[in-house]
Amino acid sequence: SYRVPKSAIRESLIDEQEGADILIV
């Protein structure tokens, strides 16, 4: 949701922890 910015940021940081090489917004 565009109204929950903290969750949006957390999503990318979790993917980084899981081993992503590049993130996308």
mmCIF file of all heavy atoms, coordinates in Angstrom:
data_MODEL
# 
_entry.id   MODEL 
# 
loop_
_atom_site.group_PDB 
_atom_site.id 
_atom_site.type_symbol 
_atom_site.label_atom_id 
_atom_site.label_alt_id 
_atom_site.label_comp_id 
_atom_site.label_asym_id 
_atom_site.label_entity_id 
_atom_site.label_seq_id 
_atom_site.pdbx_PDB_ins_code 
_atom_site.Cartn_x 
_atom_site.Cartn_y 
_atom_site.Cartn_z 
_atom_site.occupancy 
_atom_site.B_iso_or_equiv 
_atom_site.pdbx_formal_charge 
_atom_site.auth_seq_id 
_atom_site.auth_comp_id 
_atom_site.auth_asym_id 
_atom_site.auth_atom_id 
_atom_site.pdbx_PDB_model_num 
ATOM 1   N N   . SER A 1 1  ? 0.841  -1.188  0.000   1.00 0.00 ? 1  SER A N   1 
ATOM 2   C CA  . SER A 1 1  ? 0.000  0.000   0.000   1.00 0.00 ? 1  SER A CA  1 
ATOM 3   C C   . SER A 1 1  ? 0.882  1.247   0.000   1.00 0.00 ? 1  SER A C   1 
ATOM 4   O O   . SER A 1 1  ? 1.874  1.316   0.739   1.00 0.00 ? 1  SER A O   1 
ATOM 5   C CB  . SER A 1 1  ? -0.887 0.015   1.247   1.00 0.00 ? 1  SER A CB  1 
ATOM 6   O OG  . SER A 1 1  ? -1.496 1.288   1.397   1.00 0.00 ? 1  SER A OG  1 
ATOM 7   N N   . TYR A 1 2  ? 0.512  2.227   -0.810  1.00 0.00 ? 2  TYR A N   1 
ATOM 8   C CA  . TYR A 1 2  ? 1.285  3.473   -0.834  1.00 0.00 ? 2  TYR A CA  1 
ATOM 9   C C   . TYR A 1 2  ? 1.086  4.282   0.443   1.00 0.00 ? 2  TYR A C   1 
ATOM 10  O O   . TYR A 1 2  ? 1.756  5.300   0.649   1.00 0.00 ? 2  TYR A O   1 
ATOM 11  C CB  . TYR A 1 2  ? 0.941  4.308   -2.074  1.00 0.00 ? 2  TYR A CB  1 
ATOM 12  C CG  . TYR A 1 2  ? -0.512 4.677   -2.260  1.00 0.00 ? 2  TYR A CG  1 
ATOM 13  C CD1 . TYR A 1 2  ? -1.081 5.741   -1.577  1.00 0.00 ? 2  TYR A CD1 1 
ATOM 14  C CD2 . TYR A 1 2  ? -1.306 3.968   -3.159  1.00 0.00 ? 2  TYR A CD2 1 
ATOM 15  C CE1 . TYR A 1 2  ? -2.411 6.091   -1.762  1.00 0.00 ? 2  TYR A CE1 1 
ATOM 16  C CE2 . TYR A 1 2  ? -2.634 4.307   -3.352  1.00 0.00 ? 2  TYR A CE2 1 
ATOM 17  C CZ  . TYR A 1 2  ? -3.183 5.363   -2.660  1.00 0.00 ? 2  TYR A CZ  1 
ATOM 18  O OH  . TYR A 1 2  ? -4.498 5.702   -2.844  1.00 0.00 ? 2  TYR A OH  1 
ATOM 19  N N   . ARG A 1 3  ? 0.205  3.823   1.313   1.00 0.00 ? 3  ARG A N   1 
ATOM 20  C CA  . ARG A 1 3  ? -0.045 4.533   2.571   1.00 0.00 ? 3  ARG A CA  1 
ATOM 21  C C   . ARG A 1 3  ? 0.677  3.887   3.756   1.00 0.00 ? 3  ARG A C   1 
ATOM 22  O O   . ARG A 1 3  ? 0.471  4.289   4.899   1.00 0.00 ? 3  ARG A O   1 
ATOM 23  C CB  . ARG A 1 3  ? -1.547 4.578   2.833   1.00 0.00 ? 3  ARG A CB  1 
ATOM 24  C CG  . ARG A 1 3  ? -2.304 5.350   1.762   1.00 0.00 ? 3  ARG A CG  1 
ATOM 25  C CD  . ARG A 1 3  ? -3.806 5.219   1.921   1.00 0.00 ? 3  ARG A CD  1 
ATOM 26  N NE  . ARG A 1 3  ? -4.275 5.840   3.147   1.00 0.00 ? 3  ARG A NE  1 
ATOM 27  C CZ  . ARG A 1 3  ? -5.520 5.720   3.594   1.00 0.00 ? 3  ARG A CZ  1 
ATOM 28  N NH1 . ARG A 1 3  ? -6.396 4.987   2.928   1.00 0.00 ? 3  ARG A NH1 1 
ATOM 29  N NH2 . ARG A 1 3  ? -5.883 6.316   4.700   1.00 0.00 ? 3  ARG A NH2 1 
ATOM 30  N N   . VAL A 1 4  ? 1.530  2.868   3.466   1.00 0.00 ? 4  VAL A N   1 
ATOM 31  C CA  . VAL A 1 4  ? 2.290  2.214   4.548   1.00 0.00 ? 4  VAL A CA  1 
ATOM 32  C C   . VAL A 1 4  ? 3.772  2.222   4.174   1.00 0.00 ? 4  VAL A C   1 
ATOM 33  O O   . VAL A 1 4  ? 4.346  1.195   3.827   1.00 0.00 ? 4  VAL A O   1 
ATOM 34  C CB  . VAL A 1 4  ? 1.792  0.778   4.799   1.00 0.00 ? 4  VAL A CB  1 
ATOM 35  C CG1 . VAL A 1 4  ? 2.407  0.225   6.085   1.00 0.00 ? 4  VAL A CG1 1 
ATOM 36  C CG2 . VAL A 1 4  ? 0.277  0.717   4.872   1.00 0.00 ? 4  VAL A CG2 1 
ATOM 37  N N   . PRO A 1 5  ? 4.416  3.382   4.217   1.00 0.00 ? 5  PRO A N   1 
ATOM 38  C CA  . PRO A 1 5  ? 5.799  3.477   3.740   1.00 0.00 ? 5  PRO A CA  1 
ATOM 39  C C   . PRO A 1 5  ? 6.796  2.632   4.525   1.00 0.00 ? 5  PRO A C   1 
ATOM 40  O O   . PRO A 1 5  ? 7.759  2.126   3.954   1.00 0.00 ? 5  PRO A O   1 
ATOM 41  C CB  . PRO A 1 5  ? 6.110  4.977   3.868   1.00 0.00 ? 5  PRO A CB  1 
ATOM 42  C CG  . PRO A 1 5  ? 5.103  5.517   4.825   1.00 0.00 ? 5  PRO A CG  1 
ATOM 43  C CD  . PRO A 1 5  ? 3.871  4.689   4.634   1.00 0.00 ? 5  PRO A CD  1 
ATOM 44  N N   . LYS A 1 6  ? 6.575  2.462   5.823   1.00 0.00 ? 6  LYS A N   1 
ATOM 45  C CA  . LYS A 1 6  ? 7.527  1.669   6.617   1.00 0.00 ? 6  LYS A CA  1 
ATOM 46  C C   . LYS A 1 6  ? 7.555  0.218   6.141   1.00 0.00 ? 6  LYS A C   1 
ATOM 47  O O   . LYS A 1 6  ? 8.612  -0.404  6.062   1.00 0.00 ? 6  LYS A O   1 
ATOM 48  C CB  . LYS A 1 6  ? 7.164  1.743   8.096   1.00 0.00 ? 6  LYS A CB  1 
ATOM 49  C CG  . LYS A 1 6  ? 7.472  3.079   8.738   1.00 0.00 ? 6  LYS A CG  1 
ATOM 50  C CD  . LYS A 1 6  ? 7.181  3.062   10.236  1.00 0.00 ? 6  LYS A CD  1 
ATOM 51  C CE  . LYS A 1 6  ? 7.529  4.402   10.874  1.00 0.00 ? 6  LYS A CE  1 
ATOM 52  N NZ  . LYS A 1 6  ? 7.233  4.421   12.334  1.00 0.00 ? 6  LYS A NZ  1 
ATOM 53  N N   . SER A 1 7  ? 6.380  -0.327  5.831   1.00 0.00 ? 7  SER A N   1 
ATOM 54  C CA  . SER A 1 7  ? 6.315  -1.696  5.329   1.00 0.00 ? 7  SER A CA  1 
ATOM 55  C C   . SER A 1 7  ? 6.980  -1.805  3.963   1.00 0.00 ? 7  SER A C   1 
ATOM 56  O O   . SER A 1 7  ? 7.658  -2.792  3.664   1.00 0.00 ? 7  SER A O   1 
ATOM 57  C CB  . SER A 1 7  ? 4.854  -2.144  5.242   1.00 0.00 ? 7  SER A CB  1 
ATOM 58  O OG  . SER A 1 7  ? 4.762  -3.459  4.743   1.00 0.00 ? 7  SER A OG  1 
ATOM 59  N N   . ALA A 1 8  ? 6.805  -0.782  3.131   1.00 0.00 ? 8  ALA A N   1 
ATOM 60  C CA  . ALA A 1 8  ? 7.409  -0.781  1.792   1.00 0.00 ? 8  ALA A CA  1 
ATOM 61  C C   . ALA A 1 8  ? 8.930  -0.838  1.874   1.00 0.00 ? 8  ALA A C   1 
ATOM 62  O O   . ALA A 1 8  ? 9.585  -1.558  1.113   1.00 0.00 ? 8  ALA A O   1 
ATOM 63  C CB  . ALA A 1 8  ? 6.964  0.458   1.034   1.00 0.00 ? 8  ALA A CB  1 
ATOM 64  N N   . ILE A 1 9  ? 9.482  -0.102  2.793   1.00 0.00 ? 9  ILE A N   1 
ATOM 65  C CA  . ILE A 1 9  ? 10.935 -0.102  2.979   1.00 0.00 ? 9  ILE A CA  1 
ATOM 66  C C   . ILE A 1 9  ? 11.401 -1.441  3.535   1.00 0.00 ? 9  ILE A C   1 
ATOM 67  O O   . ILE A 1 9  ? 12.408 -2.019  3.106   1.00 0.00 ? 9  ILE A O   1 
ATOM 68  C CB  . ILE A 1 9  ? 11.348 1.058   3.905   1.00 0.00 ? 9  ILE A CB  1 
ATOM 69  C CG1 . ILE A 1 9  ? 11.041 2.396   3.219   1.00 0.00 ? 9  ILE A CG1 1 
ATOM 70  C CG2 . ILE A 1 9  ? 12.822 0.967   4.276   1.00 0.00 ? 9  ILE A CG2 1 
ATOM 71  C CD1 . ILE A 1 9  ? 11.080 3.583   4.144   1.00 0.00 ? 9  ILE A CD1 1 
ATOM 72  N N   . ARG A 1 10 ? 10.637 -1.970  4.488   1.00 0.00 ? 10 ARG A N   1 
ATOM 73  C CA  . ARG A 1 10 ? 10.990 -3.248  5.105   1.00 0.00 ? 10 ARG A CA  1 
ATOM 74  C C   . ARG A 1 10 ? 11.032 -4.372  4.074   1.00 0.00 ? 10 ARG A C   1 
ATOM 75  O O   . ARG A 1 10 ? 11.888 -5.262  4.139   1.00 0.00 ? 10 ARG A O   1 
ATOM 76  C CB  . ARG A 1 10 ? 9.974  -3.572  6.200   1.00 0.00 ? 10 ARG A CB  1 
ATOM 77  C CG  . ARG A 1 10 ? 10.328 -4.789  7.037   1.00 0.00 ? 10 ARG A CG  1 
ATOM 78  C CD  . ARG A 1 10 ? 9.249  -5.066  8.068   1.00 0.00 ? 10 ARG A CD  1 
ATOM 79  N NE  . ARG A 1 10 ? 9.584  -6.226  8.876   1.00 0.00 ? 10 ARG A NE  1 
ATOM 80  C CZ  . ARG A 1 10 ? 8.694  -6.937  9.551   1.00 0.00 ? 10 ARG A CZ  1 
ATOM 81  N NH1 . ARG A 1 10 ? 7.417  -6.570  9.546   1.00 0.00 ? 10 ARG A NH1 1 
ATOM 82  N NH2 . ARG A 1 10 ? 9.066  -7.995  10.252  1.00 0.00 ? 10 ARG A NH2 1 
ATOM 83  N N   . GLU A 1 11 ? 10.102 -4.344  3.112   1.00 0.00 ? 11 GLU A N   1 
ATOM 84  C CA  . GLU A 1 11 ? 10.065 -5.372  2.071   1.00 0.00 ? 11 GLU A CA  1 
ATOM 85  C C   . GLU A 1 11 ? 11.420 -5.488  1.355   1.00 0.00 ? 11 GLU A C   1 
ATOM 86  O O   . GLU A 1 11 ? 11.928 -6.586  1.135   1.00 0.00 ? 11 GLU A O   1 
ATOM 87  C CB  . GLU A 1 11 ? 8.985  -5.038  1.035   1.00 0.00 ? 11 GLU A CB  1 
ATOM 88  C CG  . GLU A 1 11 ? 7.563  -5.147  1.524   1.00 0.00 ? 11 GLU A CG  1 
ATOM 89  C CD  . GLU A 1 11 ? 6.970  -6.532  1.357   1.00 0.00 ? 11 GLU A CD  1 
ATOM 90  O OE1 . GLU A 1 11 ? 7.724  -7.494  1.144   1.00 0.00 ? 11 GLU A OE1 1 
ATOM 91  O OE2 . GLU A 1 11 ? 5.735  -6.631  1.445   1.00 0.00 ? 11 GLU A OE2 1 
ATOM 92  N N   . SER A 1 12 ? 11.984 -4.354  0.970   1.00 0.00 ? 12 SER A N   1 
ATOM 93  C CA  . SER A 1 12 ? 13.254 -4.375  0.247   1.00 0.00 ? 12 SER A CA  1 
ATOM 94  C C   . SER A 1 12 ? 14.397 -4.847  1.135   1.00 0.00 ? 12 SER A C   1 
ATOM 95  O O   . SER A 1 12 ? 15.285 -5.586  0.695   1.00 0.00 ? 12 SER A O   1 
ATOM 96  C CB  . SER A 1 12 ? 13.569 -2.987  -0.324  1.00 0.00 ? 12 SER A CB  1 
ATOM 97  O OG  . SER A 1 12 ? 12.889 -2.778  -1.542  1.00 0.00 ? 12 SER A OG  1 
ATOM 98  N N   . LEU A 1 13 ? 14.390 -4.437  2.386   1.00 0.00 ? 13 LEU A N   1 
ATOM 99  C CA  . LEU A 1 13 ? 15.462 -4.842  3.287   1.00 0.00 ? 13 LEU A CA  1 
ATOM 100 C C   . LEU A 1 13 ? 15.417 -6.342  3.569   1.00 0.00 ? 13 LEU A C   1 
ATOM 101 O O   . LEU A 1 13 ? 16.460 -6.985  3.723   1.00 0.00 ? 13 LEU A O   1 
ATOM 102 C CB  . LEU A 1 13 ? 15.373 -4.046  4.594   1.00 0.00 ? 13 LEU A CB  1 
ATOM 103 C CG  . LEU A 1 13 ? 15.531 -2.525  4.439   1.00 0.00 ? 13 LEU A CG  1 
ATOM 104 C CD1 . LEU A 1 13 ? 15.458 -1.829  5.791   1.00 0.00 ? 13 LEU A CD1 1 
ATOM 105 C CD2 . LEU A 1 13 ? 16.842 -2.179  3.726   1.00 0.00 ? 13 LEU A CD2 1 
ATOM 106 N N   . ILE A 1 14 ? 14.220 -6.919  3.600   1.00 0.00 ? 14 ILE A N   1 
ATOM 107 C CA  . ILE A 1 14 ? 14.093 -8.367  3.767   1.00 0.00 ? 14 ILE A CA  1 
ATOM 108 C C   . ILE A 1 14 ? 14.651 -9.095  2.547   1.00 0.00 ? 14 ILE A C   1 
ATOM 109 O O   . ILE A 1 14 ? 15.364 -10.099 2.676   1.00 0.00 ? 14 ILE A O   1 
ATOM 110 C CB  . ILE A 1 14 ? 12.622 -8.754  4.009   1.00 0.00 ? 14 ILE A CB  1 
ATOM 111 C CG1 . ILE A 1 14 ? 12.186 -8.320  5.418   1.00 0.00 ? 14 ILE A CG1 1 
ATOM 112 C CG2 . ILE A 1 14 ? 12.408 -10.260 3.838   1.00 0.00 ? 14 ILE A CG2 1 
ATOM 113 C CD1 . ILE A 1 14 ? 10.714 -8.495  5.704   1.00 0.00 ? 14 ILE A CD1 1 
ATOM 114 N N   . ASP A 1 15 ? 14.349 -8.576  1.342   1.00 0.00 ? 15 ASP A N   1 
ATOM 115 C CA  . ASP A 1 15 ? 14.886 -9.208  0.133   1.00 0.00 ? 15 ASP A CA  1 
ATOM 116 C C   . ASP A 1 15 ? 16.403 -9.126  0.085   1.00 0.00 ? 15 ASP A C   1 
ATOM 117 O O   . ASP A 1 15 ? 17.068 -10.042 -0.410  1.00 0.00 ? 15 ASP A O   1 
ATOM 118 C CB  . ASP A 1 15 ? 14.278 -8.557  -1.111  1.00 0.00 ? 15 ASP A CB  1 
ATOM 119 C CG  . ASP A 1 15 ? 12.909 -9.129  -1.450  1.00 0.00 ? 15 ASP A CG  1 
ATOM 120 O OD1 . ASP A 1 15 ? 12.321 -9.805  -0.571  1.00 0.00 ? 15 ASP A OD1 1 
ATOM 121 O OD2 . ASP A 1 15 ? 12.421 -8.902  -2.566  1.00 0.00 ? 15 ASP A OD2 1 
ATOM 122 N N   . GLU A 1 16 ? 16.952 -8.052  0.610   1.00 0.00 ? 16 GLU A N   1 
ATOM 123 C CA  . GLU A 1 16 ? 18.412 -7.963  0.701   1.00 0.00 ? 16 GLU A CA  1 
ATOM 124 C C   . GLU A 1 16 ? 18.951 -9.068  1.601   1.00 0.00 ? 16 GLU A C   1 
ATOM 125 O O   . GLU A 1 16 ? 19.925 -9.748  1.265   1.00 0.00 ? 16 GLU A O   1 
ATOM 126 C CB  . GLU A 1 16 ? 18.832 -6.595  1.237   1.00 0.00 ? 16 GLU A CB  1 
ATOM 127 C CG  . GLU A 1 16 ? 20.338 -6.461  1.395   1.00 0.00 ? 16 GLU A CG  1 
ATOM 128 C CD  . GLU A 1 16 ? 20.786 -5.065  1.802   1.00 0.00 ? 16 GLU A CD  1 
ATOM 129 O OE1 . GLU A 1 16 ? 19.937 -4.254  2.209   1.00 0.00 ? 16 GLU A OE1 1 
ATOM 130 O OE2 . GLU A 1 16 ? 22.002 -4.786  1.699   1.00 0.00 ? 16 GLU A OE2 1 
ATOM 131 N N   . GLN A 1 17 ? 18.305 -9.269  2.741   1.00 0.00 ? 17 GLN A N   1 
ATOM 132 C CA  . GLN A 1 17 ? 18.737 -10.316 3.668   1.00 0.00 ? 17 GLN A CA  1 
ATOM 133 C C   . GLN A 1 17 ? 18.610 -11.710 3.065   1.00 0.00 ? 17 GLN A C   1 
ATOM 134 O O   . GLN A 1 17 ? 19.419 -12.600 3.361   1.00 0.00 ? 17 GLN A O   1 
ATOM 135 C CB  . GLN A 1 17 ? 17.907 -10.241 4.950   1.00 0.00 ? 17 GLN A CB  1 
ATOM 136 C CG  . GLN A 1 17 ? 18.154 -8.992  5.781   1.00 0.00 ? 17 GLN A CG  1 
ATOM 137 C CD  . GLN A 1 17 ? 17.137 -8.830  6.902   1.00 0.00 ? 17 GLN A CD  1 
ATOM 138 O OE1 . GLN A 1 17 ? 16.274 -9.673  7.109   1.00 0.00 ? 17 GLN A OE1 1 
ATOM 139 N NE2 . GLN A 1 17 ? 17.242 -7.726  7.631   1.00 0.00 ? 17 GLN A NE2 1 
ATOM 140 N N   . GLU A 1 18 ? 17.604 -11.895 2.186   1.00 0.00 ? 18 GLU A N   1 
ATOM 141 C CA  . GLU A 1 18 ? 17.383 -13.203 1.584   1.00 0.00 ? 18 GLU A CA  1 
ATOM 142 C C   . GLU A 1 18 ? 18.365 -13.513 0.453   1.00 0.00 ? 18 GLU A C   1 
ATOM 143 O O   . GLU A 1 18 ? 18.409 -14.647 -0.028  1.00 0.00 ? 18 GLU A O   1 
ATOM 144 C CB  . GLU A 1 18 ? 15.950 -13.299 1.049   1.00 0.00 ? 18 GLU A CB  1 
ATOM 145 C CG  . GLU A 1 18 ? 14.905 -13.399 2.155   1.00 0.00 ? 18 GLU A CG  1 
ATOM 146 C CD  . GLU A 1 18 ? 13.516 -13.694 1.605   1.00 0.00 ? 18 GLU A CD  1 
ATOM 147 O OE1 . GLU A 1 18 ? 13.365 -13.887 0.370   1.00 0.00 ? 18 GLU A OE1 1 
ATOM 148 O OE2 . GLU A 1 18 ? 12.572 -13.742 2.403   1.00 0.00 ? 18 GLU A OE2 1 
ATOM 149 N N   . GLY A 1 19 ? 19.123 -12.511 0.000   1.00 0.00 ? 19 GLY A N   1 
ATOM 150 C CA  . GLY A 1 19 ? 20.134 -12.779 -1.009  1.00 0.00 ? 19 GLY A CA  1 
ATOM 151 C C   . GLY A 1 19 ? 19.914 -12.156 -2.365  1.00 0.00 ? 19 GLY A C   1 
ATOM 152 O O   . GLY A 1 19 ? 20.539 -12.572 -3.352  1.00 0.00 ? 19 GLY A O   1 
ATOM 153 N N   . ALA A 1 20 ? 19.036 -11.154 -2.451  1.00 0.00 ? 20 ALA A N   1 
ATOM 154 C CA  . ALA A 1 20 ? 18.861 -10.451 -3.728  1.00 0.00 ? 20 ALA A CA  1 
ATOM 155 C C   . ALA A 1 20 ? 20.165 -9.786  -4.146  1.00 0.00 ? 20 ALA A C   1 
ATOM 156 O O   . ALA A 1 20 ? 20.970 -9.370  -3.297  1.00 0.00 ? 20 ALA A O   1 
ATOM 157 C CB  . ALA A 1 20 ? 17.757 -9.405  -3.606  1.00 0.00 ? 20 ALA A CB  1 
ATOM 158 N N   . ASP A 1 21 ? 20.380 -9.690  -5.442  1.00 0.00 ? 21 ASP A N   1 
ATOM 159 C CA  . ASP A 1 21 ? 21.565 -9.005  -5.966  1.00 0.00 ? 21 ASP A CA  1 
ATOM 160 C C   . ASP A 1 21 ? 21.275 -7.546  -6.291  1.00 0.00 ? 21 ASP A C   1 
ATOM 161 O O   . ASP A 1 21 ? 22.153 -6.690  -6.170  1.00 0.00 ? 21 ASP A O   1 
ATOM 162 C CB  . ASP A 1 21 ? 22.059 -9.722  -7.225  1.00 0.00 ? 21 ASP A CB  1 
ATOM 163 C CG  . ASP A 1 21 ? 22.475 -11.151 -6.926  1.00 0.00 ? 21 ASP A CG  1 
ATOM 164 O OD1 . ASP A 1 21 ? 23.504 -11.343 -6.260  1.00 0.00 ? 21 ASP A OD1 1 
ATOM 165 O OD2 . ASP A 1 21 ? 21.743 -12.072 -7.340  1.00 0.00 ? 21 ASP A OD2 1 
ATOM 166 N N   . ILE A 1 22 ? 20.046 -7.268  -6.716  1.00 0.00 ? 22 ILE A N   1 
ATOM 167 C CA  . ILE A 1 22 ? 19.594 -5.919  -7.049  1.00 0.00 ? 22 ILE A CA  1 
ATOM 168 C C   . ILE A 1 22 ? 18.148 -5.803  -6.590  1.00 0.00 ? 22 ILE A C   1 
ATOM 169 O O   . ILE A 1 22 ? 17.366 -6.760  -6.716  1.00 0.00 ? 22 ILE A O   1 
ATOM 170 C CB  . ILE A 1 22 ? 19.688 -5.651  -8.571  1.00 0.00 ? 22 ILE A CB  1 
ATOM 171 C CG1 . ILE A 1 22 ? 21.124 -5.832  -9.077  1.00 0.00 ? 22 ILE A CG1 1 
ATOM 172 C CG2 . ILE A 1 22 ? 19.196 -4.242  -8.915  1.00 0.00 ? 22 ILE A CG2 1 
ATOM 173 C CD1 . ILE A 1 22 ? 21.249 -5.813  -10.602 1.00 0.00 ? 22 ILE A CD1 1 
ATOM 174 N N   . LEU A 1 23 ? 17.777 -4.652  -6.050  1.00 0.00 ? 23 LEU A N   1 
ATOM 175 C CA  . LEU A 1 23 ? 16.412 -4.409  -5.607  1.00 0.00 ? 23 LEU A CA  1 
ATOM 176 C C   . LEU A 1 23 ? 15.684 -3.515  -6.612  1.00 0.00 ? 23 LEU A C   1 
ATOM 177 O O   . LEU A 1 23 ? 16.317 -2.742  -7.332  1.00 0.00 ? 23 LEU A O   1 
ATOM 178 C CB  . LEU A 1 23 ? 16.407 -3.729  -4.235  1.00 0.00 ? 23 LEU A CB  1 
ATOM 179 C CG  . LEU A 1 23 ? 17.174 -4.423  -3.111  1.00 0.00 ? 23 LEU A CG  1 
ATOM 180 C CD1 . LEU A 1 23 ? 17.157 -3.565  -1.851  1.00 0.00 ? 23 LEU A CD1 1 
ATOM 181 C CD2 . LEU A 1 23 ? 16.596 -5.803  -2.823  1.00 0.00 ? 23 LEU A CD2 1 
ATOM 182 N N   . ILE A 1 24 ? 14.349 -3.627  -6.642  1.00 0.00 ? 24 ILE A N   1 
ATOM 183 C CA  . ILE A 1 24 ? 13.540 -2.769  -7.510  1.00 0.00 ? 24 ILE A CA  1 
ATOM 184 C C   . ILE A 1 24 ? 12.422 -2.123  -6.701  1.00 0.00 ? 24 ILE A C   1 
ATOM 185 O O   . ILE A 1 24 ? 11.753 -2.793  -5.917  1.00 0.00 ? 24 ILE A O   1 
ATOM 186 C CB  . ILE A 1 24 ? 12.863 -3.540  -8.665  1.00 0.00 ? 24 ILE A CB  1 
ATOM 187 C CG1 . ILE A 1 24 ? 13.870 -4.325  -9.494  1.00 0.00 ? 24 ILE A CG1 1 
ATOM 188 C CG2 . ILE A 1 24 ? 12.065 -2.587  -9.554  1.00 0.00 ? 24 ILE A CG2 1 
ATOM 189 C CD1 . ILE A 1 24 ? 13.222 -5.182  -10.586 1.00 0.00 ? 24 ILE A CD1 1 
ATOM 190 N N   . VAL A 1 25 ? 12.238 -0.822  -6.934  1.00 0.00 ? 25 VAL A N   1 
ATOM 191 C CA  . VAL A 1 25 ? 11.034 -0.120  -6.474  1.00 0.00 ? 25 VAL A CA  1 
ATOM 192 C C   . VAL A 1 25 ? 10.173 0.139   -7.709  1.00 0.00 ? 25 VAL A C   1 
ATOM 193 O O   . VAL A 1 25 ? 10.653 0.641   -8.722  1.00 0.00 ? 25 VAL A O   1 
ATOM 194 C CB  . VAL A 1 25 ? 11.378 1.211   -5.776  1.00 0.00 ? 25 VAL A CB  1 
ATOM 195 C CG1 . VAL A 1 25 ? 10.093 1.967   -5.420  1.00 0.00 ? 25 VAL A CG1 1 
ATOM 196 C CG2 . VAL A 1 25 ? 12.210 0.963   -4.522  1.00 0.00 ? 25 VAL A CG2 1 
# 
